[in-house]
């Protein structure tokens, strides 16, 4: 589940919390001040504005708290290496080291 999109994870949590509270999508929509179709789309994992997710969780009486973690300790090094490789390829192309297209 850690590799699922944020929208997919939030959708599952939203539905779980709504069912725990035993309320319908319509009741949540009324509480959150949104159209019931917004609740339905959110629970299916449709991408939505952060403010919409916040309204939905607030409608459940919850606070939406976001956090960030590194997916890998090597991620930063890998991104730096890829950036350097792109720069080198770009410089080679500018200096005539690239293959000409005819």
Protein backbone atom coordinates (compact mmCIF):
# COMPACT_ATOMS: atom_id res chain seq x y z
CA UNK A 1 0.00 0.00 0.00
CA UNK A 2 2.97 2.33 0.46
CA UNK A 3 3.39 2.57 -3.33
CA UNK A 4 -0.28 3.42 -3.96
CA UNK A 5 -1.02 7.01 -4.93
CA UNK A 6 -1.85 9.47 -2.17
CA UNK A 7 -5.39 9.75 -3.55
CA UNK A 8 -5.84 5.96 -3.37
CA UNK A 9 -4.62 5.82 0.24
CA UNK A 10 -6.75 8.80 1.27
CA UNK A 11 -9.78 7.29 -0.47
CA UNK A 12 -9.43 4.06 1.48
CA UNK A 13 -9.02 5.94 4.75
CA UNK A 14 -12.00 8.21 4.02
CA UNK A 15 -14.27 5.24 3.28
CA UNK A 16 -13.00 3.31 6.31
CA UNK A 17 -13.65 6.25 8.66
CA UNK A 18 -17.10 6.93 7.15
CA UNK A 19 -18.12 3.29 7.57
CA UNK A 20 -16.76 3.22 11.13
CA UNK A 21 -19.02 6.17 11.91
CA UNK A 22 -21.89 4.45 10.10
CA UNK A 23 -22.86 7.46 8.05
CA UNK A 24 -23.92 7.61 4.42
CA UNK A 25 -22.10 9.45 1.67
CA UNK A 26 -24.99 11.94 1.60
CA UNK A 27 -24.65 12.69 5.32
CA UNK A 28 -20.89 13.16 4.92
CA UNK A 29 -21.46 15.42 1.92
CA UNK A 30 -23.89 17.57 3.92
CA UNK A 31 -21.49 17.74 6.85
CA UNK A 32 -18.56 18.64 4.58
CA UNK A 33 -20.53 21.13 2.49
CA UNK A 34 -19.94 19.32 -0.80
CA UNK A 35 -22.05 17.54 -3.39
CA UNK A 36 -22.59 13.80 -2.70
CA UNK A 37 -20.89 13.02 -6.02
CA UNK A 38 -17.68 14.52 -4.60
CA UNK A 39 -17.75 11.98 -1.75
CA UNK A 40 -18.38 9.15 -4.18
CA UNK A 41 -15.52 10.18 -6.49
CA UNK A 42 -13.15 10.69 -3.56
CA UNK A 43 -13.90 7.24 -2.16
CA UNK A 44 -13.14 5.76 -5.59
CA UNK A 45 -9.70 7.39 -5.49
CA UNK A 46 -10.31 10.24 -7.91
CA UNK A 47 -7.75 12.97 -7.58
CA UNK A 48 -9.08 16.04 -5.79
CA UNK A 49 -7.87 19.34 -4.45
CA UNK A 50 -6.24 19.19 -1.05
CA UNK A 51 -8.92 21.58 0.22
CA UNK A 52 -11.59 19.07 -0.85
CA UNK A 53 -9.91 16.23 1.04
CA UNK A 54 -9.66 18.52 4.06
CA UNK A 55 -13.40 19.33 3.89
CA UNK A 56 -14.25 15.63 3.66
CA UNK A 57 -12.13 14.60 6.64
CA UNK A 58 -13.36 17.60 8.64
CA UNK A 59 -16.89 16.46 7.79
CA UNK A 60 -16.04 13.23 9.60
CA UNK A 61 -14.77 15.19 12.60
CA UNK A 62 -11.16 14.36 11.69
CA UNK A 63 -8.16 16.56 10.97
CA UNK A 64 -6.13 15.92 7.85
CA UNK A 65 -2.45 15.82 8.82
CA UNK A 66 0.18 15.39 6.12
CA UNK A 67 3.70 14.08 6.53
CA UNK A 68 6.53 13.30 4.18
CA UNK A 69 9.18 10.58 4.33
CA UNK A 70 11.98 9.57 2.03
CA UNK A 71 11.18 6.54 -0.04
CA UNK A 72 14.84 5.49 -0.01
CA UNK A 73 18.05 6.67 1.57
CA UNK A 74 19.64 6.36 -1.86
CA UNK A 75 16.97 8.45 -3.60
CA UNK A 76 18.77 11.76 -3.20
CA UNK A 77 22.05 10.34 -4.54
CA UNK A 78 20.28 8.73 -7.47
CA UNK A 79 18.55 12.00 -8.38
CA UNK A 80 21.87 13.85 -8.26
CA UNK A 81 23.52 11.22 -10.49
CA UNK A 82 20.68 11.40 -13.02
CA UNK A 83 20.88 15.18 -13.09
CA UNK A 84 24.64 15.10 -13.70
CA UNK A 85 24.21 12.56 -16.50
CA UNK A 86 21.59 14.78 -18.18
CA UNK A 87 23.90 17.80 -17.92
CA UNK A 88 26.78 15.83 -19.46
CA UNK A 89 24.58 14.67 -22.37
CA UNK A 90 23.37 18.22 -22.92
CA UNK A 91 26.96 19.56 -22.94
CA UNK A 92 28.05 16.86 -25.38
CA UNK A 93 25.23 17.89 -27.70
CA UNK A 94 26.15 21.57 -27.46
CA UNK A 95 29.82 20.87 -28.17
CA UNK A 96 29.08 18.92 -31.33
CA UNK A 97 29.67 15.55 -29.74
CA UNK A 98 26.14 14.44 -30.56
CA UNK A 99 25.02 12.47 -33.58
CA UNK A 100 23.78 14.66 -36.40
CA UNK A 101 20.32 13.95 -37.75
CA UNK A 102 19.80 14.16 -41.50
